[in-house]
Amino acid sequence: MNVDQPTPRVGFPQLKNFIGKSVIFVGKVEAMQGQQVQMSAPDGSRVTVQGNSTFDSQFAEVTGVVVDPMTLREESHVEFGEKFDLNLYNEFLKLSNGQYAELFYPAGYGS
């Protein structure tokens, strides 16, 4: 594990800062069509996940590369089941990518 280049946990507002980089994204599966999955971000925004996986639960964590500010290319995912508090997770994202970012990432990471 490379602690100098951690994989950040992000929501929709942070995606634009990580184009071409690997991130961890948690959301609610809204629709699957072909090789794309539409997910709701913790803040309610929509994100498209490209990949070959099927999602069998309502909530999932996706590790992938940010293609553009609204799209991830999936590398892997973990299903979280049918009950997950996205509002609470959104509050965590605000803190871990804002006021308390230095607790989660090295100085200057993602800026």
C-alpha atoms as a PDB file:
ATOM      1  CA  MET A   1       0.000   0.000   0.000  1.00  0.00           C
ATOM      2  CA  ASN A   2       1.389   3.378  -1.000  1.00  0.00           C
ATOM      3  CA  VAL A   3       0.500   5.905   1.706  1.00  0.00           C
ATOM      4  CA  ASP A   4       2.018   8.749  -0.334  1.00  0.00           C
ATOM      5  CA  GLN A   5      -0.700   8.287  -2.961  1.00  0.00           C
ATOM      6  CA  PRO A   6      -3.844   7.220  -1.089  1.00  0.00           C
ATOM      7  CA  THR A   7      -7.047   6.468  -2.962  1.00  0.00           C
ATOM      8  CA  PRO A   8      -9.344   9.270  -1.861  1.00  0.00           C
ATOM      9  CA  ARG A   9     -12.986   8.775  -0.916  1.00  0.00           C
ATOM     10  CA  VAL A  10     -14.921  11.294  -2.963  1.00  0.00           C
ATOM     11  CA  GLY A  11     -18.401  12.516  -3.694  1.00  0.00           C
ATOM     12  CA  PHE A  12     -19.673  14.281  -6.774  1.00  0.00           C
ATOM     13  CA  PRO A  13     -18.149  17.694  -5.886  1.00  0.00           C
ATOM     14  CA  GLN A  14     -14.618  16.227  -5.725  1.00  0.00           C
ATOM     15  CA  LEU A  15     -14.668  14.189  -8.974  1.00  0.00           C
ATOM     16  CA  LYS A  16     -13.522  17.148 -11.090  1.00  0.00           C
ATOM     17  CA  ASN A  17     -10.310  17.326  -9.019  1.00  0.00           C
ATOM     18  CA  PHE A  18      -9.288  13.735  -9.762  1.00  0.00           C
ATOM     19  CA  ILE A  19      -9.666  13.257 -13.541  1.00  0.00           C
ATOM     20  CA  GLY A  20      -7.385  10.421 -14.605  1.00  0.00           C
ATOM     21  CA  LYS A  21      -6.842   9.289 -10.995  1.00  0.00           C
ATOM     22  CA  SER A  22      -8.204   6.418  -8.957  1.00  0.00           C
ATOM     23  CA  VAL A  23     -10.899   7.212  -6.370  1.00  0.00           C
ATOM     24  CA  ILE A  24     -13.385   5.464  -4.110  1.00  0.00           C
ATOM     25  CA  PHE A  25     -17.021   6.452  -4.650  1.00  0.00           C
ATOM     26  CA  VAL A  26     -20.089   5.296  -2.696  1.00  0.00           C
ATOM     27  CA  GLY A  27     -23.573   5.686  -4.096  1.00  0.00           C
ATOM     28  CA  LYS A  28     -27.026   4.278  -4.686  1.00  0.00           C
ATOM     29  CA  VAL A  29     -27.572   2.172  -7.806  1.00  0.00           C
ATOM     30  CA  GLU A  30     -30.417   3.773  -9.763  1.00  0.00           C
ATOM     31  CA  ALA A  31     -30.278   2.017 -13.149  1.00  0.00           C
ATOM     32  CA  MET A  32     -28.174  -0.442 -15.126  1.00  0.00           C
ATOM     33  CA  GLN A  33     -28.071  -0.392 -18.903  1.00  0.00           C
ATOM     34  CA  GLY A  34     -25.495  -2.311 -20.891  1.00  0.00           C
ATOM     35  CA  GLN A  35     -22.057  -1.529 -19.520  1.00  0.00           C
ATOM     36  CA  GLN A  36     -23.170   1.571 -17.639  1.00  0.00           C
ATOM     37  CA  VAL A  37     -24.635   2.017 -14.172  1.00  0.00           C
ATOM     38  CA  GLN A  38     -26.316   5.227 -13.071  1.00  0.00           C
ATOM     39  CA  MET A  39     -25.691   5.984  -9.402  1.00  0.00           C
ATOM     40  CA  SER A  40     -26.869   8.702  -7.059  1.00  0.00           C
ATOM     41  CA  ALA A  41     -24.012  10.357  -5.210  1.00  0.00           C
ATOM     42  CA  PRO A  42     -24.371  11.065  -1.474  1.00  0.00           C
ATOM     43  CA  ASP A  43     -25.331  14.674  -2.311  1.00  0.00           C
ATOM     44  CA  GLY A  44     -28.048  13.526  -4.762  1.00  0.00           C
ATOM     45  CA  SER A  45     -26.108  14.216  -7.968  1.00  0.00           C
ATOM     46  CA  ARG A  46     -25.974  11.540 -10.691  1.00  0.00           C
ATOM     47  CA  VAL A  47     -22.768   9.729 -11.672  1.00  0.00           C
ATOM     48  CA  THR A  48     -22.250   7.228 -14.496  1.00  0.00           C
ATOM     49  CA  VAL A  49     -20.102   4.174 -13.789  1.00  0.00           C
ATOM     50  CA  GLN A  50     -18.651   2.406 -16.828  1.00  0.00           C
ATOM     51  CA  GLY A  51     -17.727  -1.252 -16.512  1.00  0.00           C
ATOM     52  CA  ASN A  52     -18.736  -4.846 -17.049  1.00  0.00           C
ATOM     53  CA  SER A  53     -20.017  -5.613 -13.552  1.00  0.00           C
ATOM     54  CA  THR A  54     -23.541  -6.161 -12.392  1.00  0.00           C
ATOM     55  CA  PHE A  55     -24.699  -4.692  -9.114  1.00  0.00           C
ATOM     56  CA  ASP A  56     -26.978  -6.876  -7.015  1.00  0.00           C
ATOM     57  CA  SER A  57     -27.540  -4.465  -4.142  1.00  0.00           C
ATOM     58  CA  GLN A  58     -28.969  -0.982  -3.842  1.00  0.00           C
ATOM     59  CA  PHE A  59     -25.786   0.598  -2.432  1.00  0.00           C
ATOM     60  CA  ALA A  60     -22.186   0.039  -3.502  1.00  0.00           C
ATOM     61  CA  GLU A  61     -18.636   1.335  -3.189  1.00  0.00           C
ATOM     62  CA  VAL A  62     -16.853   1.679  -6.527  1.00  0.00           C
ATOM     63  CA  THR A  63     -13.097   1.972  -6.939  1.00  0.00           C
ATOM     64  CA  GLY A  64     -12.328   3.432 -10.334  1.00  0.00           C
ATOM     65  CA  VAL A  65     -10.628   6.050 -12.452  1.00  0.00           C
ATOM     66  CA  VAL A  66     -12.356   9.398 -12.978  1.00  0.00           C
ATOM     67  CA  VAL A  67     -13.021   9.828 -16.720  1.00  0.00           C
ATOM     68  CA  ASP A  68     -14.728  13.227 -16.465  1.00  0.00           C
ATOM     69  CA  PRO A  69     -16.570  15.152 -13.724  1.00  0.00           C
ATOM     70  CA  MET A  70     -19.628  12.885 -14.053  1.00  0.00           C
ATOM     71  CA  THR A  71     -18.117   9.504 -15.019  1.00  0.00           C
ATOM     72  CA  LEU A  72     -16.031   6.757 -13.393  1.00  0.00           C
ATOM     73  CA  ARG A  73     -14.451   3.741 -15.091  1.00  0.00           C
ATOM     74  CA  GLU A  74     -14.900   0.912 -12.614  1.00  0.00           C
ATOM     75  CA  GLU A  75     -11.937  -1.183 -11.526  1.00  0.00           C
ATOM     76  CA  SER A  76     -13.813  -3.000  -8.747  1.00  0.00           C
ATOM     77  CA  HIS A  77     -16.786  -2.635  -6.459  1.00  0.00           C
ATOM     78  CA  VAL A  78     -18.098  -3.806  -3.100  1.00  0.00           C
ATOM     79  CA  GLU A  79     -21.808  -4.143  -2.513  1.00  0.00           C
ATOM     80  CA  PHE A  80     -23.173  -2.537   0.665  1.00  0.00           C
ATOM     81  CA  GLY A  81     -26.626  -4.140   0.687  1.00  0.00           C
ATOM     82  CA  GLU A  82     -30.025  -2.507   0.873  1.00  0.00           C
ATOM     83  CA  LYS A  83     -29.559  -0.139   3.816  1.00  0.00           C
ATOM     84  CA  PHE A  84     -26.909   2.565   3.874  1.00  0.00           C
ATOM     85  CA  ASP A  85     -27.167   6.128   5.178  1.00  0.00           C
ATOM     86  CA  LEU A  86     -25.972   8.292   2.268  1.00  0.00           C
ATOM     87  CA  ASN A  87     -26.752  11.487   4.204  1.00  0.00           C
ATOM     88  CA  LEU A  88     -24.372  10.508   6.999  1.00  0.00           C
ATOM     89  CA  TYR A  89     -21.737   9.428   4.454  1.00  0.00           C
ATOM     90  CA  ASN A  90     -22.123  12.801   2.711  1.00  0.00           C
ATOM     91  CA  GLU A  91     -21.327  14.540   6.004  1.00  0.00           C
ATOM     92  CA  PHE A  92     -18.219  12.339   6.348  1.00  0.00           C
ATOM     93  CA  LEU A  93     -17.130  13.335   2.811  1.00  0.00           C
ATOM     94  CA  LYS A  94     -17.532  17.031   3.614  1.00  0.00           C
ATOM     95  CA  LEU A  95     -15.251  16.665   6.626  1.00  0.00           C
ATOM     96  CA  SER A  96     -12.673  14.293   5.111  1.00  0.00           C
ATOM     97  CA  ASN A  97     -12.327  16.448   1.982  1.00  0.00           C
ATOM     98  CA  GLY A  98     -12.615  19.773   3.787  1.00  0.00           C
ATOM     99  CA  GLN A  99     -11.928  20.806   7.351  1.00  0.00           C
ATOM    100  CA  TYR A 100     -10.174  17.550   8.336  1.00  0.00           C
ATOM    101  CA  ALA A 101      -8.530  16.578   5.032  1.00  0.00           C
ATOM    102  CA  GLU A 102      -5.067  16.572   6.644  1.00  0.00           C
ATOM    103  CA  LEU A 103      -6.154  13.594   8.772  1.00  0.00           C
ATOM    104  CA  PHE A 104      -6.877  11.542   5.646  1.00  0.00           C
ATOM    105  CA  TYR A 105      -4.420  12.750   2.987  1.00  0.00           C
ATOM    106  CA  PRO A 106      -0.848  14.078   2.812  1.00  0.00           C
ATOM    107  CA  ALA A 107      -0.426  17.861   2.621  1.00  0.00           C
ATOM    108  CA  GLY A 108      -1.301  19.212  -0.826  1.00  0.00           C
ATOM    109  CA  TYR A 109      -2.910  15.984  -2.069  1.00  0.00           C
ATOM    110  CA  GLY A 110      -5.778  16.531  -4.497  1.00  0.00           C
ATOM    111  CA  SER A 111      -5.323  20.295  -4.709  1.00  0.00           C
END
